Protein backbone atom coordinates (compact mmCIF):
# COMPACT_ATOMS: atom_id res chain seq x y z
CA MET A 1 -5.25 12.28 -5.42
CA LEU A 2 -3.53 10.32 -8.40
CA LEU A 3 -3.09 7.04 -7.95
CA HIS A 4 0.56 4.80 -9.48
CA ARG A 5 3.59 2.94 -9.19
CA ILE A 6 6.31 4.38 -7.30
CA ASN A 7 8.70 4.11 -10.16
CA HIS A 8 7.78 4.57 -13.79
CA GLY A 9 10.63 4.11 -15.19
CA GLY A 10 11.13 -0.08 -14.35
CA HIS A 11 13.19 -0.33 -11.94
CA ARG A 12 10.87 -4.40 -10.79
CA GLN A 13 13.13 -5.13 -8.55
CA LEU A 14 12.10 -1.91 -6.35
CA ASN A 15 8.47 -1.93 -7.38
CA ALA A 16 8.38 -6.07 -6.20
CA ALA A 17 10.57 -5.10 -2.86
CA ILE A 18 7.92 -2.44 -2.25
CA TYR A 19 4.74 -4.62 -2.88
CA ARG A 20 5.44 -7.42 -0.90
CA THR A 21 6.59 -4.47 1.89
CA VAL A 22 2.93 -3.46 1.23
CA ILE A 23 1.44 -6.96 1.71
CA VAL A 24 3.08 -8.11 4.73
CA ARG A 25 2.27 -4.92 6.29
CA MET A 26 -1.44 -5.37 5.49
CA GLN A 27 -1.03 -9.13 7.12
CA PHE A 28 0.66 -8.59 9.68
CA HIS A 29 1.62 -4.87 10.92
CA GLN A 30 -1.37 -3.97 13.60
CA PRO A 31 -1.50 0.46 12.74
CA THR A 32 -1.73 -1.10 8.91
CA ILE A 33 -3.92 -3.08 9.62
CA ASP A 34 -6.06 -0.83 12.00
CA TYR A 35 -5.74 1.63 8.53
CA VAL A 36 -7.18 -1.06 6.46
CA ALA A 37 -9.73 -1.93 8.84
CA ARG A 38 -11.29 1.91 9.05
CA ARG A 39 -10.87 2.99 5.25
CA THR A 40 -12.72 -0.56 4.30
CA THR A 41 -15.63 0.28 6.62
CA GLU A 42 -15.45 4.05 5.01
CA GLY A 43 -16.63 2.02 1.81
CA LYS A 44 -12.34 3.14 0.32
CA THR A 45 -11.56 -0.66 -1.02
CA LYS A 46 -8.82 -2.24 -0.14
CA ARG A 47 -6.45 -1.59 -3.50
CA THR A 48 -6.89 1.35 -2.69
CA CYS A 49 -5.70 1.20 0.74
CA GLN A 50 -3.05 -0.66 -0.43
CA ALA A 51 -1.99 2.05 -3.07
CA PHE A 52 -2.24 4.81 0.29
CA THR A 53 -0.01 2.48 2.50
CA THR A 54 2.59 1.92 -0.49
CA VAL A 55 3.44 5.62 -0.79
CA PHE A 56 3.17 6.39 3.20
CA VAL A 57 5.65 3.05 2.71
CA ASN A 58 7.76 4.56 -0.17
CA CYS A 59 8.51 8.48 2.09
């Protein structure tokens, strides 16, 4: 899977809002915390988990 920024057009405010949403979810949203814990035990990095969560949030 190709991991990239959501909006290549350069909508910086949108990208920043999505990034903040993902960071808050990774800290406070229990299903997301469980997902990150499960994926890190599988050998994935937090950055990879953040990228996949970003795709999920943006859908």
